[in-house]
Amino acid sequence: MMELTLAHYLILSAVIFALGMTGVLIRKNLIVMFMSLELMLNAVNINLAAFSNYLQDMTGQIFIVFVMAVAAAEAAVGLALIISLFRNKQTINAEELNIMRG
Protein backbone atom coordinates (compact mmCIF):
# COMPACT_ATOMS: atom_id res chain seq x y z
CA MET A 1 0.00 0.00 0.00
CA MET A 2 1.31 3.42 -0.95
CA GLU A 3 1.89 5.89 1.86
CA LEU A 4 0.83 9.50 1.43
CA THR A 5 3.72 11.92 1.60
CA LEU A 6 3.91 15.66 2.04
CA ALA A 7 4.07 16.09 -1.73
CA HIS A 8 0.68 14.39 -2.16
CA TYR A 9 -0.97 16.84 0.22
CA LEU A 10 0.74 19.81 -1.41
CA ILE A 11 -0.39 18.73 -4.88
CA LEU A 12 -3.97 18.25 -3.63
CA SER A 13 -3.86 21.66 -2.00
CA ALA A 14 -2.47 23.31 -5.13
CA VAL A 15 -5.22 21.77 -7.29
CA ILE A 16 -7.97 22.87 -4.88
CA PHE A 17 -6.48 26.36 -4.62
CA ALA A 18 -6.24 26.64 -8.41
CA LEU A 19 -9.89 25.58 -8.76
CA GLY A 20 -10.90 28.19 -6.20
CA MET A 21 -8.86 30.92 -7.85
CA THR A 22 -10.32 30.02 -11.24
CA GLY A 23 -13.82 30.24 -9.78
CA VAL A 24 -13.16 33.67 -8.28
CA LEU A 25 -11.62 35.07 -11.46
CA ILE A 26 -13.96 33.57 -14.07
CA ARG A 27 -17.39 33.33 -12.46
CA LYS A 28 -19.73 36.28 -12.25
CA ASN A 29 -22.18 34.95 -9.64
CA LEU A 30 -21.31 36.30 -6.18
CA ILE A 31 -22.36 33.11 -4.39
CA VAL A 32 -20.10 30.99 -6.60
CA MET A 33 -17.29 33.48 -6.00
CA PHE A 34 -17.70 33.13 -2.23
CA MET A 35 -17.77 29.33 -2.52
CA SER A 36 -14.56 29.51 -4.55
CA LEU A 37 -13.00 31.70 -1.88
CA GLU A 38 -13.93 29.06 0.70
CA LEU A 39 -12.19 26.45 -1.48
CA MET A 40 -9.05 28.58 -1.41
CA LEU A 41 -9.18 28.85 2.38
CA ASN A 42 -9.62 25.07 2.66
CA ALA A 43 -6.58 24.56 0.43
CA VAL A 44 -4.60 26.70 2.85
CA ASN A 45 -5.91 24.55 5.72
CA ILE A 46 -4.69 21.40 3.96
CA ASN A 47 -1.24 22.96 3.62
CA LEU A 48 -1.19 23.97 7.27
CA ALA A 49 -2.25 20.49 8.40
CA ALA A 50 0.26 18.77 6.12
CA PHE A 51 3.19 20.88 7.30
CA SER A 52 2.05 20.59 10.90
CA ASN A 53 2.13 16.82 10.62
CA TYR A 54 5.40 16.80 8.67
CA LEU A 55 7.19 19.04 11.17
CA GLN A 56 5.49 17.45 14.21
CA ASP A 57 4.47 20.90 15.42
CA MET A 58 1.02 21.98 16.60
CA THR A 59 1.38 25.55 15.36
CA GLY A 60 -0.13 24.74 11.97
CA GLN A 61 -3.18 23.20 13.57
CA ILE A 62 -3.65 26.27 15.76
CA PHE A 63 -3.55 28.44 12.63
CA ILE A 64 -6.21 26.19 11.09
CA VAL A 65 -8.59 27.16 13.89
CA PHE A 66 -7.96 30.85 13.14
CA VAL A 67 -8.45 30.35 9.39
CA MET A 68 -11.71 28.52 10.05
CA ALA A 69 -12.91 31.36 12.29
CA VAL A 70 -12.07 33.91 9.59
CA ALA A 71 -13.83 31.76 6.98
CA ALA A 72 -16.96 31.54 9.14
CA ALA A 73 -16.99 35.30 9.69
CA GLU A 74 -16.38 35.91 5.98
CA ALA A 75 -19.25 33.62 5.06
CA ALA A 76 -21.64 35.31 7.48
CA VAL A 77 -20.77 38.85 6.44
CA GLY A 78 -20.51 37.94 2.76
CA LEU A 79 -23.88 36.25 2.63
CA ALA A 80 -25.47 39.17 4.49
CA LEU A 81 -24.00 41.56 1.91
CA ILE A 82 -25.20 39.37 -0.96
CA ILE A 83 -28.73 39.27 0.46
CA SER A 84 -28.70 43.04 0.91
CA LEU A 85 -27.45 43.59 -2.64
CA PHE A 86 -30.06 41.22 -4.03
CA ARG A 87 -32.84 43.02 -2.20
CA ASN A 88 -31.71 46.38 -3.55
CA LYS A 89 -30.55 45.51 -7.08
CA GLN A 90 -32.49 42.26 -7.80
CA THR A 91 -29.33 40.53 -9.06
CA ILE A 92 -26.22 38.79 -7.74
CA ASN A 93 -24.28 39.01 -10.99
CA ALA A 94 -20.99 40.78 -10.24
CA GLU A 95 -20.89 42.54 -13.62
CA GLU A 96 -24.31 44.10 -13.13
CA LEU A 97 -23.53 45.42 -9.66
CA ASN A 98 -21.86 48.78 -10.00
CA ILE A 99 -22.68 50.57 -6.78
CA MET A 100 -20.73 53.70 -7.73
CA ARG A 101 -23.14 54.44 -10.60
CA GLY A 102 -26.12 54.35 -8.28
C-alpha atoms as a PDB file:
ATOM      1  CA  MET A   1       0.000   0.000   0.000  1.00  0.00           C
ATOM      2  CA  MET A   2       1.305   3.425  -0.947  1.00  0.00           C
ATOM      3  CA  GLU A   3       1.887   5.893   1.859  1.00  0.00           C
ATOM      4  CA  LEU A   4       0.830   9.497   1.434  1.00  0.00           C
ATOM      5  CA  THR A   5       3.725  11.921   1.596  1.00  0.00           C
ATOM      6  CA  LEU A   6       3.908  15.662   2.041  1.00  0.00           C
ATOM      7  CA  ALA A   7       4.066  16.092  -1.733  1.00  0.00           C
ATOM      8  CA  HIS A   8       0.678  14.392  -2.164  1.00  0.00           C
ATOM      9  CA  TYR A   9      -0.967  16.839   0.217  1.00  0.00           C
ATOM     10  CA  LEU A  10       0.742  19.811  -1.413  1.00  0.00           C
ATOM     11  CA  ILE A  11      -0.394  18.727  -4.878  1.00  0.00           C
ATOM     12  CA  LEU A  12      -3.970  18.253  -3.632  1.00  0.00           C
ATOM     13  CA  SER A  13      -3.864  21.663  -1.996  1.00  0.00           C
ATOM     14  CA  ALA A  14      -2.474  23.310  -5.133  1.00  0.00           C
ATOM     15  CA  VAL A  15      -5.217  21.770  -7.291  1.00  0.00           C
ATOM     16  CA  ILE A  16      -7.971  22.867  -4.881  1.00  0.00           C
ATOM     17  CA  PHE A  17      -6.476  26.357  -4.616  1.00  0.00           C
ATOM     18  CA  ALA A  18      -6.240  26.639  -8.414  1.00  0.00           C
ATOM     19  CA  LEU A  19      -9.887  25.578  -8.757  1.00  0.00           C
ATOM     20  CA  GLY A  20     -10.901  28.187  -6.200  1.00  0.00           C
ATOM     21  CA  MET A  21      -8.864  30.919  -7.851  1.00  0.00           C
ATOM     22  CA  THR A  22     -10.324  30.019 -11.238  1.00  0.00           C
ATOM     23  CA  GLY A  23     -13.822  30.235  -9.778  1.00  0.00           C
ATOM     24  CA  VAL A  24     -13.162  33.665  -8.282  1.00  0.00           C
ATOM     25  CA  LEU A  25     -11.624  35.065 -11.464  1.00  0.00           C
ATOM     26  CA  ILE A  26     -13.960  33.571 -14.068  1.00  0.00           C
ATOM     27  CA  ARG A  27     -17.395  33.325 -12.457  1.00  0.00           C
ATOM     28  CA  LYS A  28     -19.733  36.280 -12.246  1.00  0.00           C
ATOM     29  CA  ASN A  29     -22.185  34.951  -9.640  1.00  0.00           C
ATOM     30  CA  LEU A  30     -21.311  36.300  -6.183  1.00  0.00           C
ATOM     31  CA  ILE A  31     -22.355  33.109  -4.386  1.00  0.00           C
ATOM     32  CA  VAL A  32     -20.097  30.994  -6.599  1.00  0.00           C
ATOM     33  CA  MET A  33     -17.293  33.485  -6.002  1.00  0.00           C
ATOM     34  CA  PHE A  34     -17.703  33.129  -2.231  1.00  0.00           C
ATOM     35  CA  MET A  35     -17.765  29.333  -2.523  1.00  0.00           C
ATOM     36  CA  SER A  36     -14.556  29.512  -4.553  1.00  0.00           C
ATOM     37  CA  LEU A  37     -13.003  31.701  -1.879  1.00  0.00           C
ATOM     38  CA  GLU A  38     -13.926  29.057   0.704  1.00  0.00           C
ATOM     39  CA  LEU A  39     -12.190  26.452  -1.478  1.00  0.00           C
ATOM     40  CA  MET A  40      -9.048  28.577  -1.414  1.00  0.00           C
ATOM     41  CA  LEU A  41      -9.176  28.845   2.377  1.00  0.00           C
ATOM     42  CA  ASN A  42      -9.622  25.068   2.656  1.00  0.00           C
ATOM     43  CA  ALA A  43      -6.582  24.558   0.428  1.00  0.00           C
ATOM     44  CA  VAL A  44      -4.598  26.702   2.847  1.00  0.00           C
ATOM     45  CA  ASN A  45      -5.906  24.553   5.717  1.00  0.00           C
ATOM     46  CA  ILE A  46      -4.693  21.399   3.962  1.00  0.00           C
ATOM     47  CA  ASN A  47      -1.241  22.964   3.616  1.00  0.00           C
ATOM     48  CA  LEU A  48      -1.190  23.969   7.272  1.00  0.00           C
ATOM     49  CA  ALA A  49      -2.252  20.486   8.400  1.00  0.00           C
ATOM     50  CA  ALA A  50       0.263  18.772   6.119  1.00  0.00           C
ATOM     51  CA  PHE A  51       3.188  20.881   7.300  1.00  0.00           C
ATOM     52  CA  SER A  52       2.047  20.587  10.900  1.00  0.00           C
ATOM     53  CA  ASN A  53       2.128  16.817  10.615  1.00  0.00           C
ATOM     54  CA  TYR A  54       5.403  16.804   8.674  1.00  0.00           C
ATOM     55  CA  LEU A  55       7.192  19.041  11.166  1.00  0.00           C
ATOM     56  CA  GLN A  56       5.492  17.445  14.205  1.00  0.00           C
ATOM     57  CA  ASP A  57       4.468  20.897  15.417  1.00  0.00           C
ATOM     58  CA  MET A  58       1.023  21.980  16.598  1.00  0.00           C
ATOM     59  CA  THR A  59       1.384  25.553  15.361  1.00  0.00           C
ATOM     60  CA  GLY A  60      -0.129  24.743  11.969  1.00  0.00           C
ATOM     61  CA  GLN A  61      -3.182  23.195  13.575  1.00  0.00           C
ATOM     62  CA  ILE A  62      -3.650  26.268  15.759  1.00  0.00           C
ATOM     63  CA  PHE A  63      -3.546  28.439  12.630  1.00  0.00           C
ATOM     64  CA  ILE A  64      -6.213  26.189  11.087  1.00  0.00           C
ATOM     65  CA  VAL A  65      -8.592  27.163  13.886  1.00  0.00           C
ATOM     66  CA  PHE A  66      -7.964  30.855  13.140  1.00  0.00           C
ATOM     67  CA  VAL A  67      -8.451  30.354   9.393  1.00  0.00           C
ATOM     68  CA  MET A  68     -11.714  28.518  10.051  1.00  0.00           C
ATOM     69  CA  ALA A  69     -12.905  31.360  12.289  1.00  0.00           C
ATOM     70  CA  VAL A  70     -12.067  33.911   9.592  1.00  0.00           C
ATOM     71  CA  ALA A  71     -13.833  31.757   6.978  1.00  0.00           C
ATOM     72  CA  ALA A  72     -16.956  31.540   9.140  1.00  0.00           C
ATOM     73  CA  ALA A  73     -16.988  35.298   9.693  1.00  0.00           C
ATOM     74  CA  GLU A  74     -16.380  35.912   5.980  1.00  0.00           C
ATOM     75  CA  ALA A  75     -19.253  33.618   5.065  1.00  0.00           C
ATOM     76  CA  ALA A  76     -21.645  35.306   7.477  1.00  0.00           C
ATOM     77  CA  VAL A  77     -20.766  38.850   6.441  1.00  0.00           C
ATOM     78  CA  GLY A  78     -20.510  37.945   2.764  1.00  0.00           C
ATOM     79  CA  LEU A  79     -23.882  36.253   2.632  1.00  0.00           C
ATOM     80  CA  ALA A  80     -25.468  39.168   4.493  1.00  0.00           C
ATOM     81  CA  LEU A  81     -24.005  41.560   1.909  1.00  0.00           C
ATOM     82  CA  ILE A  82     -25.199  39.371  -0.964  1.00  0.00           C
ATOM     83  CA  ILE A  83     -28.727  39.270   0.465  1.00  0.00           C
ATOM     84  CA  SER A  84     -28.697  43.044   0.914  1.00  0.00           C
ATOM     85  CA  LEU A  85     -27.452  43.592  -2.640  1.00  0.00           C
ATOM     86  CA  PHE A  86     -30.056  41.216  -4.032  1.00  0.00           C
ATOM     87  CA  ARG A  87     -32.845  43.020  -2.200  1.00  0.00           C
ATOM     88  CA  ASN A  88     -31.712  46.382  -3.552  1.00  0.00           C
ATOM     89  CA  LYS A  89     -30.551  45.508  -7.080  1.00  0.00           C
ATOM     90  CA  GLN A  90     -32.492  42.257  -7.800  1.00  0.00           C
ATOM     91  CA  THR A  91     -29.333  40.526  -9.062  1.00  0.00           C
ATOM     92  CA  ILE A  92     -26.220  38.791  -7.739  1.00  0.00           C
ATOM     93  CA  ASN A  93     -24.281  39.011 -10.986  1.00  0.00           C
ATOM     94  CA  ALA A  94     -20.993  40.777 -10.236  1.00  0.00           C
ATOM     95  CA  GLU A  95     -20.894  42.537 -13.618  1.00  0.00           C
ATOM     96  CA  GLU A  96     -24.315  44.099 -13.135  1.00  0.00           C
ATOM     97  CA  LEU A  97     -23.525  45.418  -9.662  1.00  0.00           C
ATOM     98  CA  ASN A  98     -21.862  48.782  -9.998  1.00  0.00           C
ATOM     99  CA  ILE A  99     -22.676  50.572  -6.778  1.00  0.00           C
ATOM    100  CA  MET A 100     -20.732  53.703  -7.734  1.00  0.00           C
ATOM    101  CA  ARG A 101     -23.141  54.442 -10.597  1.00  0.00           C
ATOM    102  CA  GLY A 102     -26.120  54.349  -8.278  1.00  0.00           C
END
